[in-house]
């Protein structure tokens, strides 16, 4: 069998993998191979049209379709975990939203034994990955974008980031409503210190309003011409063989194998390769290469809950797209002009401190919750978890840090006993709705991802264990209560139908007990799995060191969201881009000759 040799083999052509492959192949003397199980959808209108993104979820051509086992603390409901099966990974199917974390999130990473990973260390990489296109004066005025600081944004990165032009009354009302509530954003979110409401920028190509994602930005037409970069799509990696000789495999690396298969499939591939807990590996008759039981542990995801409200008769939402004639019309409009509702999802959000139905909680109230549900109970399952909880405790008590993110979507959301993606975005309730979801920024619950078979084609077990730490329910329920305060405040309340229907029917989160039940019954994933190959010292439960090298190996790294020791706040797309950019620099620095 002939052997193809490369300096670097990147396993996973998703968001992180393509960033790293692009940067490593900038050196024409280095040969780089990318292996990706999904297809290249460069010219696929379903991927390139931002407004069609909900049609991709649940479709096996684009989505791996992972599903959790029943979640005991979420009324035994099963919850989908969609992951992009495509070149570009989940950046090919997501909402294109760009949310920025806080510097405190990364200071917490550094405190766990990760030098070089604090907020100041990461800040340049949040500029490096993107080019910001400033909004027009009209959009700036419409959305009160006075907080945007163009000088803090990226200027020459591969990914375009924009504010679109499809905003309407709900986006305008959102900012003004939170201003009335006392939460006007004082500075640009990219600076890493903020509380308050804002409009979410999007990764969209400004020239034609098509999706901008890692495959279009980091594997551009120009990059595809590099003779030293090879990308194999629809090619599945089954295991990583840590041997000097390459006679049994087709592709051999001279320097490194770089794992970028995501928070679910990176630990799966490690375990299939004999890197994991020896008991688990023995159960599946896999020879142990490295006994590393922390692989697949520390799973974190942002859980959210939410309510949908019927809107006033003179307003419109995405629910009008239940009419096939309207769908046909807006698609035609987009195809002819690149405009209309299909050019992006207008998302408004707000980073908020701890609140409940009465408003912001006092420090004493937060401390009481922490003492009752954290300090007096031992929930730690691995050594580093106690240190993680200390860092999260500090962030909850910091008046400048956000404990939850509120996000509005102009459509209804539906949950069920087994909530898959088609159900979530179905338009089964008559009428037009507006949804607000609330997402815990720093979950205390820890789940697992482990192989269920040594068959590489079999899905691993993905058990998020949502709300298994009771503090998560206490936090989520109180923020769910605050939804009532938001929708009762002008000008947003004026856009909702007086006495209109709600989803779920009659939902009233005013009391804490009722809010807890809504949180359990309406809980869903924010699509942000992370943490399963955590960057921490090995004796604390880490899988990789601060240079992202897997413990027990010399030339195997992990560069995706699985290395997050603690999940940062907000949607994690921007954080993954920044981490991947830093990972590329770490790899380059180690191989300077």
Protein backbone atom coordinates (compact mmCIF):
# COMPACT_ATOMS: atom_id res chain seq x y z
CA UNK A 1 0.00 0.00 0.00
CA UNK A 2 1.40 3.39 -0.95
CA UNK A 3 1.78 5.93 1.81
CA UNK A 4 0.97 9.63 1.40
CA UNK A 5 3.07 11.78 3.71
CA UNK A 6 2.01 15.13 5.14
CA UNK A 7 3.50 17.42 7.73
CA UNK A 8 0.13 17.91 9.38
CA UNK A 9 -3.02 15.82 9.24
CA UNK A 10 -6.13 17.65 10.44
CA UNK A 11 -8.95 15.28 11.37
CA UNK A 12 -12.18 17.21 10.97
CA UNK A 13 -12.79 19.93 8.40
CA UNK A 14 -15.20 21.86 10.57
CA UNK A 15 -14.91 25.37 11.94
CA UNK A 16 -11.69 24.86 13.91
CA UNK A 17 -10.09 22.37 11.53
CA UNK A 18 -10.25 24.65 8.50
CA UNK A 19 -8.90 27.61 10.47
CA UNK A 20 -5.87 25.61 11.56
CA UNK A 21 -5.37 24.02 8.12
CA UNK A 22 -5.48 27.43 6.47
CA UNK A 23 -2.91 28.95 8.80
CA UNK A 24 -0.52 25.98 8.68
CA UNK A 25 -0.66 25.81 4.88
CA UNK A 26 0.34 29.48 4.63
CA UNK A 27 3.87 28.06 4.67
CA UNK A 28 4.25 26.57 1.17
CA UNK A 29 6.88 24.16 2.49
CA UNK A 30 4.38 22.43 4.79
CA UNK A 31 2.03 19.81 3.38
CA UNK A 32 -1.36 19.73 5.10
CA UNK A 33 -4.14 17.17 4.79
CA UNK A 34 -7.70 17.68 6.03
CA UNK A 35 -10.04 14.72 6.45
CA UNK A 36 -13.76 15.55 6.63
CA UNK A 37 -16.69 13.13 6.77
CA UNK A 38 -19.20 15.60 5.35
CA UNK A 39 -19.54 16.97 1.85
CA UNK A 40 -18.32 20.25 0.37
CA UNK A 41 -21.42 22.43 -0.08
CA UNK A 42 -19.64 25.37 -1.69
CA UNK A 43 -22.37 25.88 -4.28
CA UNK A 44 -25.33 24.52 -2.31
CA UNK A 45 -28.10 27.15 -2.00
CA UNK A 46 -29.54 25.45 1.09
CA UNK A 47 -26.28 26.11 2.93
CA UNK A 48 -25.51 29.46 1.34
CA UNK A 49 -28.97 30.96 1.94
CA UNK A 50 -29.02 32.11 5.59
CA UNK A 51 -32.80 31.94 5.86
CA UNK A 52 -32.88 28.24 4.95
CA UNK A 53 -30.76 27.18 7.90
CA UNK A 54 -33.64 25.58 9.83
CA UNK A 55 -34.19 23.20 6.91
CA UNK A 56 -30.71 21.75 7.45
CA UNK A 57 -31.31 20.61 11.02
CA UNK A 58 -32.45 17.02 11.24
CA UNK A 59 -31.43 16.26 7.65
CA UNK A 60 -28.77 13.50 7.71
CA UNK A 61 -27.03 15.02 4.71
CA UNK A 62 -26.09 18.04 6.85
CA UNK A 63 -26.66 17.05 10.49
CA UNK A 64 -25.14 14.19 12.50
CA UNK A 65 -28.47 13.99 14.39
CA UNK A 66 -27.17 13.17 17.85
CA UNK A 67 -29.87 12.62 20.46
CA UNK A 68 -29.54 12.51 24.23
CA UNK A 69 -30.90 9.72 26.42
CA UNK A 70 -33.89 10.74 28.58
CA UNK A 71 -32.85 13.58 30.87
CA UNK A 72 -34.11 12.88 34.43
CA UNK A 73 -33.98 16.53 35.49
CA UNK A 74 -35.81 17.73 32.37
CA UNK A 75 -38.93 15.59 32.83
CA UNK A 76 -37.22 12.59 31.17
CA UNK A 77 -37.27 14.32 27.81
CA UNK A 78 -34.84 13.46 25.03
CA UNK A 79 -33.10 16.46 23.52
CA UNK A 80 -31.42 16.69 20.14
CA UNK A 81 -27.82 17.79 19.74
CA UNK A 82 -27.41 18.87 16.11
CA UNK A 83 -23.88 18.98 14.69
CA UNK A 84 -22.90 20.01 11.20
CA UNK A 85 -21.98 17.15 8.88
CA UNK A 86 -20.32 19.24 6.19
CA UNK A 87 -17.11 20.93 5.26
CA UNK A 88 -17.24 23.83 7.67
CA UNK A 89 -18.88 21.73 10.38
CA UNK A 90 -21.55 23.42 12.43
CA UNK A 91 -20.66 26.81 10.96
CA UNK A 92 -22.37 25.49 7.80
CA UNK A 93 -25.72 25.05 9.54
CA UNK A 94 -25.83 27.52 12.42
CA UNK A 95 -27.57 30.89 12.83
CA UNK A 96 -24.39 32.78 11.78
CA UNK A 97 -24.50 34.66 15.08
CA UNK A 98 -21.37 36.32 16.46
CA UNK A 99 -21.44 36.63 20.25
CA UNK A 100 -18.41 37.69 22.24
CA UNK A 101 -17.53 36.20 25.64
CA UNK A 102 -16.18 38.09 28.63
CA UNK A 103 -12.53 38.40 29.51
CA UNK A 104 -13.42 36.90 32.88
CA UNK A 105 -14.30 33.64 31.15
CA UNK A 106 -10.73 33.24 29.91
CA UNK A 107 -9.21 34.48 33.15
CA UNK A 108 -11.01 31.50 34.68
CA UNK A 109 -9.35 29.22 32.11
CA UNK A 110 -5.93 30.56 33.10
CA UNK A 111 -6.70 30.03 36.80
CA UNK A 112 -7.13 26.31 36.11
CA UNK A 113 -3.45 25.91 35.22
CA UNK A 114 -3.46 27.20 31.64
CA UNK A 115 -0.81 29.93 31.26
CA UNK A 116 -1.20 31.98 28.11
CA UNK A 117 -4.99 31.65 28.00
CA UNK A 118 -6.34 34.64 29.94
CA UNK A 119 -8.57 37.37 28.55
CA UNK A 120 -5.72 39.57 27.38
CA UNK A 121 -4.01 36.61 25.71
CA UNK A 122 -7.14 35.74 23.69
CA UNK A 123 -8.19 39.29 22.80
CA UNK A 124 -6.04 39.63 19.62
CA UNK A 125 -7.48 36.41 18.21
CA UNK A 126 -11.03 37.76 18.39
CA UNK A 127 -9.86 40.40 15.93
CA UNK A 128 -7.66 38.13 13.81
CA UNK A 129 -10.39 35.84 12.50
CA UNK A 130 -12.75 38.47 11.04
CA UNK A 131 -13.23 41.64 9.07
CA UNK A 132 -15.93 43.93 10.41
CA UNK A 133 -18.15 45.81 7.98
CA UNK A 134 -19.67 48.82 9.80
CA UNK A 135 -23.44 49.31 9.69
CA UNK A 136 -25.01 52.11 7.71
CA UNK A 137 -26.04 55.29 9.48
CA UNK A 138 -29.69 54.29 9.09
CA UNK A 139 -29.16 50.88 10.72
CA UNK A 140 -27.02 52.44 13.45
CA UNK A 141 -29.84 54.83 14.32
CA UNK A 142 -32.58 52.20 13.99
CA UNK A 143 -30.88 49.73 16.35
CA UNK A 144 -29.16 52.23 18.68
CA UNK A 145 -25.75 50.85 17.75
CA UNK A 146 -23.94 53.71 19.45
CA UNK A 147 -21.99 51.17 21.49
CA UNK A 148 -20.22 49.68 18.43
CA UNK A 149 -16.51 50.53 18.41
CA UNK A 150 -15.14 49.88 14.92
CA UNK A 151 -11.57 50.32 16.17
CA UNK A 152 -11.95 47.25 18.39
CA UNK A 153 -13.09 45.03 15.51
CA UNK A 154 -11.15 42.85 13.10
CA UNK A 155 -9.88 44.60 9.99
CA UNK A 156 -8.39 41.97 7.72
CA UNK A 157 -9.53 38.54 8.92
CA UNK A 158 -11.01 35.91 6.58
CA UNK A 159 -14.56 35.94 7.99
CA UNK A 160 -16.84 38.90 7.17
CA UNK A 161 -19.00 40.11 10.07
CA UNK A 162 -21.88 42.50 9.40
CA UNK A 163 -25.09 43.99 10.64
CA UNK A 164 -27.65 43.16 7.98
CA UNK A 165 -30.59 45.22 6.80
CA UNK A 166 -33.54 42.99 7.67
CA UNK A 167 -34.35 44.44 11.06
CA UNK A 168 -37.83 45.42 12.13
CA UNK A 169 -39.97 46.73 14.99
CA UNK A 170 -39.10 43.90 17.38
CA UNK A 171 -35.36 44.57 17.08
CA UNK A 172 -35.90 48.27 17.71
CA UNK A 173 -38.23 47.60 20.63
CA UNK A 174 -35.82 45.14 22.23
CA UNK A 175 -33.07 47.68 22.79
CA UNK A 176 -35.50 50.33 24.03
CA UNK A 177 -37.26 47.88 26.35
CA UNK A 178 -34.03 46.92 28.09
CA UNK A 179 -33.09 50.58 28.29
CA UNK A 180 -36.36 51.08 30.20
CA UNK A 181 -35.38 48.17 32.45
CA UNK A 182 -32.02 49.80 33.14
CA UNK A 183 -29.81 47.66 30.91
CA UNK A 184 -28.46 49.74 28.06
CA UNK A 185 -25.18 48.32 26.78
CA UNK A 186 -22.35 50.71 27.71
CA UNK A 187 -19.62 49.35 25.43
CA UNK A 188 -18.96 47.07 22.49
CA UNK A 189 -19.38 43.37 23.42
CA UNK A 190 -16.07 42.52 21.72
CA UNK A 191 -14.27 44.31 24.56
CA UNK A 192 -15.30 41.53 26.91
CA UNK A 193 -16.99 43.55 29.67
CA UNK A 194 -20.67 44.24 29.30
CA UNK A 195 -24.23 43.90 30.56
CA UNK A 196 -27.23 44.97 28.53
CA UNK A 197 -29.09 44.60 25.25
CA UNK A 198 -27.61 44.55 21.78
CA UNK A 199 -28.22 43.44 18.22
CA UNK A 200 -26.22 40.40 17.20
CA UNK A 201 -23.82 40.78 14.26
CA UNK A 202 -23.79 37.96 11.73
CA UNK A 203 -21.22 36.11 9.65
CA UNK A 204 -22.73 36.99 6.27
CA UNK A 205 -21.02 37.98 3.02
CA UNK A 206 -21.93 41.66 2.50
CA UNK A 207 -21.64 41.47 -1.30
CA UNK A 208 -24.45 38.96 -1.80
CA UNK A 209 -25.91 38.18 1.64
CA UNK A 210 -24.80 34.54 1.55
CA UNK A 211 -23.65 32.55 4.56
CA UNK A 212 -20.04 33.20 5.55
CA UNK A 213 -18.55 30.24 7.38
CA UNK A 214 -15.23 28.51 7.83
CA UNK A 215 -15.46 26.69 4.48
CA UNK A 216 -16.10 29.91 2.55
CA UNK A 217 -13.71 32.08 4.58
CA UNK A 218 -10.79 29.80 5.41
CA UNK A 219 -11.10 27.49 2.39
CA UNK A 220 -11.77 30.24 -0.11
CA UNK A 221 -11.23 29.99 -3.85
CA UNK A 222 -7.72 31.35 -3.37
CA UNK A 223 -6.91 28.91 -0.57
CA UNK A 224 -8.19 25.98 -2.63
CA UNK A 225 -5.40 26.69 -5.14
CA UNK A 226 -2.63 25.97 -2.63
CA UNK A 227 -0.73 22.90 -3.89
CA UNK A 228 0.36 22.01 -0.35
CA UNK A 229 -3.22 21.78 1.02
CA UNK A 230 -5.32 18.69 0.38
CA UNK A 231 -8.91 18.41 1.62
CA UNK A 232 -10.65 15.05 1.47
CA UNK A 233 -14.41 15.32 1.95
CA UNK A 234 -16.88 12.49 2.52
CA UNK A 235 -13.96 10.64 4.09
CA UNK A 236 -14.35 9.34 7.64
CA UNK A 237 -11.47 8.91 10.08
CA UNK A 238 -11.90 5.73 12.10
CA UNK A 239 -8.96 5.92 14.50
CA UNK A 240 -5.60 7.55 15.09
CA UNK A 241 -2.62 5.20 15.11
CA UNK A 242 0.23 6.42 17.29
CA UNK A 243 3.08 4.59 15.57
CA UNK A 244 6.31 5.67 13.95
CA UNK A 245 5.79 3.36 11.01
CA UNK A 246 2.96 3.92 8.55
CA UNK A 247 2.72 0.67 6.65
CA UNK A 248 -0.87 -0.07 7.69
CA UNK A 249 -2.35 3.31 6.88
CA UNK A 250 -2.64 5.45 3.81
CA UNK A 251 -1.67 8.80 5.32
CA UNK A 252 1.30 9.42 7.57
CA UNK A 253 2.25 12.64 9.34
CA UNK A 254 5.78 13.97 9.62
CA UNK A 255 4.97 16.33 12.46
CA UNK A 256 1.47 16.20 13.98
CA UNK A 257 -2.03 14.88 13.89
CA UNK A 258 -4.49 17.63 14.80
CA UNK A 259 -7.89 16.53 16.03
CA UNK A 260 -10.71 18.95 15.23
CA UNK A 261 -13.78 16.72 15.12
CA UNK A 262 -15.75 18.71 17.70
CA UNK A 263 -16.85 18.18 21.28
CA UNK A 264 -18.69 14.95 20.47
CA UNK A 265 -16.50 13.23 17.90
CA UNK A 266 -13.05 14.28 19.14
CA UNK A 267 -13.44 12.24 22.36
CA UNK A 268 -15.06 9.46 20.34
CA UNK A 269 -12.02 9.25 18.06
CA UNK A 270 -9.63 9.32 21.00
CA UNK A 271 -11.42 6.41 22.66
CA UNK A 272 -11.57 4.45 19.40
CA UNK A 273 -7.81 5.00 19.19
CA UNK A 274 -7.17 3.59 22.65
CA UNK A 275 -6.90 6.92 24.45
CA UNK A 276 -9.38 7.00 27.31
CA UNK A 277 -10.36 5.25 30.51
CA UNK A 278 -8.93 1.73 30.61
CA UNK A 279 -12.14 0.20 32.00
CA UNK A 280 -14.22 1.64 29.19
CA UNK A 281 -11.70 0.59 26.57
CA UNK A 282 -11.51 -2.94 28.00
CA UNK A 283 -15.30 -3.18 27.88
CA UNK A 284 -15.14 -2.57 24.13
CA UNK A 285 -12.01 -4.70 23.58
CA UNK A 286 -9.90 -1.72 22.50
CA UNK A 287 -6.18 -1.95 23.37
CA UNK A 288 -5.11 0.84 25.72
CA UNK A 289 -2.66 3.29 24.18
CA UNK A 290 -2.98 5.97 26.88
CA UNK A 291 -4.99 5.50 30.07
CA UNK A 292 -6.76 8.86 30.22
CA UNK A 293 -10.17 8.49 31.93
CA UNK A 294 -10.93 12.21 31.62
CA UNK A 295 -11.57 11.82 27.87
CA UNK A 296 -15.26 12.43 27.22
CA UNK A 297 -15.92 13.83 30.70
CA UNK A 298 -16.66 17.48 31.58
CA UNK A 299 -19.30 17.86 28.83
CA UNK A 300 -20.91 21.29 29.02
CA UNK A 301 -23.66 22.92 27.01
CA UNK A 302 -25.71 26.06 27.40
CA UNK A 303 -29.27 24.98 28.26
CA UNK A 304 -32.10 27.34 27.48
CA UNK A 305 -35.78 27.61 28.19
CA UNK A 306 -38.27 29.96 26.63
CA UNK A 307 -41.82 31.02 25.92
CA UNK A 308 -43.50 32.13 22.68
CA UNK A 309 -46.09 34.93 22.64
CA UNK A 310 -48.68 35.68 19.99
CA UNK A 311 -47.94 39.00 18.32
CA UNK A 312 -50.28 41.86 17.47
CA UNK A 313 -52.33 41.55 14.30
CA UNK A 314 -50.42 44.35 12.57
CA UNK A 315 -47.06 42.60 13.09
CA UNK A 316 -45.41 39.72 11.21
CA UNK A 317 -43.06 36.93 12.22
CA UNK A 318 -41.28 33.99 10.64
CA UNK A 319 -44.43 31.92 11.19
CA UNK A 320 -45.87 33.38 7.99
CA UNK A 321 -43.51 31.00 6.19
CA UNK A 322 -45.95 28.17 6.89
CA UNK A 323 -47.63 29.42 3.71
CA UNK A 324 -45.81 27.81 0.73
CA UNK A 325 -46.79 30.72 -1.50
CA UNK A 326 -44.99 33.14 0.80
CA UNK A 327 -41.96 30.84 0.96
CA UNK A 328 -41.83 30.78 -2.82
CA UNK A 329 -42.11 34.57 -2.99
CA UNK A 330 -39.35 35.32 -0.45
CA UNK A 331 -37.04 32.75 -2.04
CA UNK A 332 -37.58 34.36 -5.43
CA UNK A 333 -36.90 37.78 -3.90
CA UNK A 334 -33.64 36.53 -2.41
CA UNK A 335 -32.55 34.84 -5.64
CA UNK A 336 -33.22 37.99 -7.64
CA UNK A 337 -32.02 40.68 -5.23
CA UNK A 338 -30.19 38.94 -2.35
CA UNK A 339 -32.66 40.74 -0.12
CA UNK A 340 -35.69 40.00 2.01
CA UNK A 341 -36.24 37.65 4.98
CA UNK A 342 -33.88 34.99 3.60
CA UNK A 343 -30.75 37.11 3.99
CA UNK A 344 -30.27 36.39 7.70
CA UNK A 345 -32.03 35.90 11.02
CA UNK A 346 -32.43 39.23 12.87
CA UNK A 347 -31.38 38.29 16.41
CA UNK A 348 -31.51 40.57 19.42
CA UNK A 349 -29.92 39.59 22.72
CA UNK A 350 -29.07 40.82 26.18
CA UNK A 351 -26.41 39.77 28.67
CA UNK A 352 -27.94 39.96 32.13
CA UNK A 353 -26.92 39.61 35.78
CA UNK A 354 -28.88 37.41 38.18
CA UNK A 355 -32.54 38.49 38.10
CA UNK A 356 -35.97 37.18 39.02
CA UNK A 357 -39.55 38.46 38.79
CA UNK A 358 -38.67 41.39 41.06
CA UNK A 359 -35.56 42.48 39.19
CA UNK A 360 -31.85 42.19 39.93
CA UNK A 361 -30.87 39.95 42.83
CA UNK A 362 -28.78 41.33 45.66
CA UNK A 363 -25.34 39.94 46.41
CA UNK A 364 -26.75 38.49 49.62
CA UNK A 365 -29.45 36.60 47.69
CA UNK A 366 -26.90 35.16 45.27
CA UNK A 367 -24.61 34.13 48.12
CA UNK A 368 -27.52 32.37 49.81
CA UNK A 369 -28.16 30.34 46.66
CA UNK A 370 -24.48 29.48 46.38
CA UNK A 371 -24.21 28.37 49.98
CA UNK A 372 -27.33 26.20 49.76
CA UNK A 373 -26.68 24.57 46.40
CA UNK A 374 -22.90 24.71 46.01
CA UNK A 375 -20.89 25.29 49.16
CA UNK A 376 -22.76 22.82 51.38
CA UNK A 377 -22.97 20.02 48.81
CA UNK A 378 -20.19 18.08 47.08
CA UNK A 379 -21.09 17.60 43.43
CA UNK A 380 -17.55 17.25 42.09
CA UNK A 381 -16.91 14.20 39.91
CA UNK A 382 -13.26 14.94 39.03
CA UNK A 383 -10.52 16.92 40.83
CA UNK A 384 -10.61 20.01 38.64
CA UNK A 385 -14.36 20.43 38.98
CA UNK A 386 -14.05 22.04 42.41
CA UNK A 387 -11.70 24.62 40.94
CA UNK A 388 -14.14 25.17 38.08
CA UNK A 389 -16.93 25.78 40.59
CA UNK A 390 -14.76 28.27 42.48
CA UNK A 391 -14.25 30.19 39.24
CA UNK A 392 -17.97 30.07 38.40
CA UNK A 393 -18.85 31.20 41.93
CA UNK A 394 -16.59 34.22 41.48
CA UNK A 395 -18.23 35.10 38.18
CA UNK A 396 -21.78 34.83 39.57
CA UNK A 397 -20.86 37.26 42.33
CA UNK A 398 -19.17 39.71 39.98
CA UNK A 399 -21.65 42.55 39.22
CA UNK A 400 -20.00 43.05 35.82
CA UNK A 401 -20.45 39.44 34.70
CA UNK A 402 -23.52 38.02 32.97
CA UNK A 403 -25.16 34.90 34.39
CA UNK A 404 -27.58 34.46 31.48
CA UNK A 405 -28.23 35.53 27.93
CA UNK A 406 -31.70 36.48 26.69
CA UNK A 407 -32.25 36.11 22.97
CA UNK A 408 -35.28 36.86 20.83
CA UNK A 409 -36.36 35.03 17.70
CA UNK A 410 -39.21 36.11 15.39
CA UNK A 411 -40.93 32.71 15.34
CA UNK A 412 -42.54 30.07 17.56
CA UNK A 413 -40.58 27.32 19.29
CA UNK A 414 -42.08 23.94 20.15
CA UNK A 415 -40.86 21.25 22.54
CA UNK A 416 -41.94 17.69 23.20
CA UNK A 417 -41.06 14.50 25.05
CA UNK A 418 -38.48 13.81 22.35
CA UNK A 419 -37.56 17.20 20.98
CA UNK A 420 -35.79 16.94 17.66
CA UNK A 421 -34.97 19.85 15.39
CA UNK A 422 -37.93 19.57 13.00
CA UNK A 423 -40.29 19.75 16.00
CA UNK A 424 -38.48 22.73 17.53
CA UNK A 425 -38.96 24.88 14.44
CA UNK A 426 -42.33 23.50 13.38
CA UNK A 427 -45.23 25.91 12.97
CA UNK A 428 -47.83 23.70 14.61
CA UNK A 429 -49.59 26.47 16.53
CA UNK A 430 -51.87 28.75 14.54
CA UNK A 431 -50.99 32.41 14.51
CA UNK A 432 -47.78 34.39 14.50
CA UNK A 433 -45.44 34.31 17.48
CA UNK A 434 -42.39 35.93 18.99
CA UNK A 435 -40.09 33.89 21.23
CA UNK A 436 -37.67 34.87 23.96
CA UNK A 437 -35.29 32.25 25.24
CA UNK A 438 -33.03 32.51 28.26
CA UNK A 439 -29.77 30.62 28.34
CA UNK A 440 -27.52 29.91 31.32
CA UNK A 441 -24.09 31.30 30.50
CA UNK A 442 -22.10 29.22 32.98
CA UNK A 443 -23.73 25.82 33.61
CA UNK A 444 -22.65 23.86 36.67
CA UNK A 445 -23.96 20.53 35.33
CA UNK A 446 -21.43 18.21 33.71
CA UNK A 447 -22.28 15.50 31.22
CA UNK A 448 -20.35 12.86 29.30
CA UNK A 449 -19.63 11.65 25.77
CA UNK A 450 -18.40 8.07 25.46
CA UNK A 451 -18.32 5.37 22.84
CA UNK A 452 -21.05 2.75 22.99
CA UNK A 453 -19.31 0.47 20.50
CA UNK A 454 -15.92 0.08 18.86
CA UNK A 455 -17.70 0.50 15.54
CA UNK A 456 -16.60 3.96 14.33
CA UNK A 457 -19.89 4.36 12.46
CA UNK A 458 -21.92 4.03 15.67
CA UNK A 459 -22.90 7.23 17.44
CA UNK A 460 -21.37 7.74 20.87
CA UNK A 461 -23.54 8.26 23.93
CA UNK A 462 -24.12 11.99 24.32
CA UNK A 463 -25.51 12.57 27.81
CA UNK A 464 -25.54 16.29 28.72
CA UNK A 465 -27.10 15.61 32.15
CA UNK A 466 -28.93 18.91 31.93
CA UNK A 467 -29.90 20.45 35.28
CA UNK A 468 -28.18 17.60 37.16
CA UNK A 469 -26.59 20.28 39.30
CA UNK A 470 -29.51 21.93 41.14
CA UNK A 471 -27.95 25.38 40.93
CA UNK A 472 -28.62 25.37 37.17
CA UNK A 473 -32.36 25.01 37.75
CA UNK A 474 -32.34 27.71 40.42
CA UNK A 475 -30.58 30.13 38.06
CA UNK A 476 -32.58 29.22 34.95
CA UNK A 477 -35.93 29.42 36.75
CA UNK A 478 -35.25 32.88 38.16
CA UNK A 479 -34.25 34.16 34.74
CA UNK A 480 -37.38 32.53 33.31
CA UNK A 481 -39.43 34.55 35.80
CA UNK A 482 -37.88 37.72 34.41
CA UNK A 483 -39.38 36.96 30.98
CA UNK A 484 -42.69 38.24 32.34
CA UNK A 485 -41.09 41.54 33.24
CA UNK A 486 -39.56 41.90 29.77
CA UNK A 487 -42.79 41.30 27.84
CA UNK A 488 -44.74 43.60 30.17
CA UNK A 489 -42.45 46.56 29.47
CA UNK A 490 -42.93 49.09 26.66
CA UNK A 491 -42.30 49.33 23.82
CA UNK A 492 -42.05 45.54 23.42
CA UNK A 493 -45.40 44.90 25.12
CA UNK A 494 -47.11 47.05 22.48
CA UNK A 495 -46.08 44.61 19.72
CA UNK A 496 -47.68 41.59 21.40
CA UNK A 497 -51.36 40.70 21.20
CA UNK A 498 -53.20 41.71 24.34
CA UNK A 499 -54.51 38.52 25.92
CA UNK A 500 -52.90 36.53 23.11
CA UNK A 501 -51.94 32.89 23.23
CA UNK A 502 -48.68 31.56 24.60
CA UNK A 503 -46.59 28.49 23.92
CA UNK A 504 -46.83 26.50 26.10
CA UNK A 505 -50.50 27.24 26.54
CA UNK A 506 -51.14 29.52 29.50
CA UNK A 507 -47.48 29.69 30.52
CA UNK A 508 -47.09 32.00 33.52
CA UNK A 509 -43.59 32.05 35.03
CA UNK A 510 -44.46 34.51 37.79
CA UNK A 511 -44.03 32.05 40.66
CA UNK A 512 -40.71 30.30 41.15
CA UNK A 513 -42.27 26.82 41.16
CA UNK A 514 -44.08 27.52 37.89
CA UNK A 515 -40.89 28.90 36.37
CA UNK A 516 -39.02 25.74 37.38
CA UNK A 517 -41.58 23.56 35.65
CA UNK A 518 -41.41 25.70 32.50
CA UNK A 519 -37.61 25.40 32.61
CA UNK A 520 -37.80 21.60 32.84
CA UNK A 521 -40.50 21.18 30.22
CA UNK A 522 -39.13 23.78 27.80
CA UNK A 523 -35.43 23.09 28.25
CA UNK A 524 -33.41 22.66 25.08
CA UNK A 525 -29.85 22.87 23.86
CA UNK A 526 -28.32 26.08 22.56
CA UNK A 527 -26.14 23.88 20.29
CA UNK A 528 -22.89 24.67 22.16
CA UNK A 529 -21.35 21.35 23.29
CA UNK A 530 -17.85 21.73 24.72
CA UNK A 531 -15.38 20.58 27.35
CA UNK A 532 -14.92 16.88 26.59
CA UNK A 533 -11.14 17.09 25.99
CA UNK A 534 -10.55 19.75 28.62
CA UNK A 535 -7.42 21.87 28.76
CA UNK A 536 -6.30 21.43 32.36
CA UNK A 537 -3.43 19.75 34.20
CA UNK A 538 -3.70 15.98 33.93
CA UNK A 539 -4.09 15.50 37.69
CA UNK A 540 -7.10 17.85 37.64
CA UNK A 541 -8.89 15.86 34.95
CA UNK A 542 -7.40 17.45 31.87
CA UNK A 543 -7.01 15.79 28.48
CA UNK A 544 -4.70 18.34 26.84
CA UNK A 545 -2.08 20.71 28.22
CA UNK A 546 -1.87 24.46 27.61
CA UNK A 547 -0.31 23.77 24.21
CA UNK A 548 -3.28 21.51 23.39
CA UNK A 549 -1.14 18.34 23.26
CA UNK A 550 -2.97 15.21 24.43
CA UNK A 551 -1.41 13.83 27.60
CA UNK A 552 0.65 10.71 26.99
CA UNK A 553 1.38 11.68 23.37
CA UNK A 554 3.96 13.88 21.69
CA UNK A 555 2.41 14.89 18.40
CA UNK A 556 -1.37 14.72 18.84
CA UNK A 557 -3.33 17.90 19.57
CA UNK A 558 -6.97 18.87 19.91
CA UNK A 559 -8.00 22.33 18.70
CA UNK A 560 -11.82 22.54 18.86
CA UNK A 561 -14.46 23.41 21.48
CA UNK A 562 -13.80 20.16 23.31
CA UNK A 563 -10.71 21.77 24.89
CA UNK A 564 -12.77 24.45 26.70
CA UNK A 565 -12.29 23.72 30.43
CA UNK A 566 -15.24 26.02 31.24
CA UNK A 567 -17.78 27.07 28.65
CA UNK A 568 -17.60 30.81 27.89
CA UNK A 569 -20.73 32.90 27.88
CA UNK A 570 -22.83 33.44 24.78
CA UNK A 571 -22.95 31.51 21.54
CA UNK A 572 -19.51 29.97 21.10
CA UNK A 573 -18.83 30.41 17.37
CA UNK A 574 -16.57 33.44 17.87
CA UNK A 575 -14.73 31.71 20.72
CA UNK A 576 -14.01 28.64 18.57
CA UNK A 577 -12.62 30.82 15.78
CA UNK A 578 -10.36 32.62 18.27
CA UNK A 579 -9.17 29.42 19.95
CA UNK A 580 -8.40 27.82 16.59
CA UNK A 581 -6.39 30.86 15.52
CA UNK A 582 -4.37 30.66 18.73
CA UNK A 583 -3.94 26.90 18.29
CA UNK A 584 -2.42 27.46 14.85
CA UNK A 585 0.09 29.89 16.34
CA UNK A 586 1.00 27.40 19.07
CA UNK A 587 1.62 24.67 16.51
CA UNK A 588 3.71 26.95 14.30
CA UNK A 589 5.80 28.08 17.27
CA UNK A 590 6.60 24.51 18.26
CA UNK A 591 7.85 23.64 14.78
CA UNK A 592 9.96 26.69 14.01
CA UNK A 593 13.27 25.50 12.64
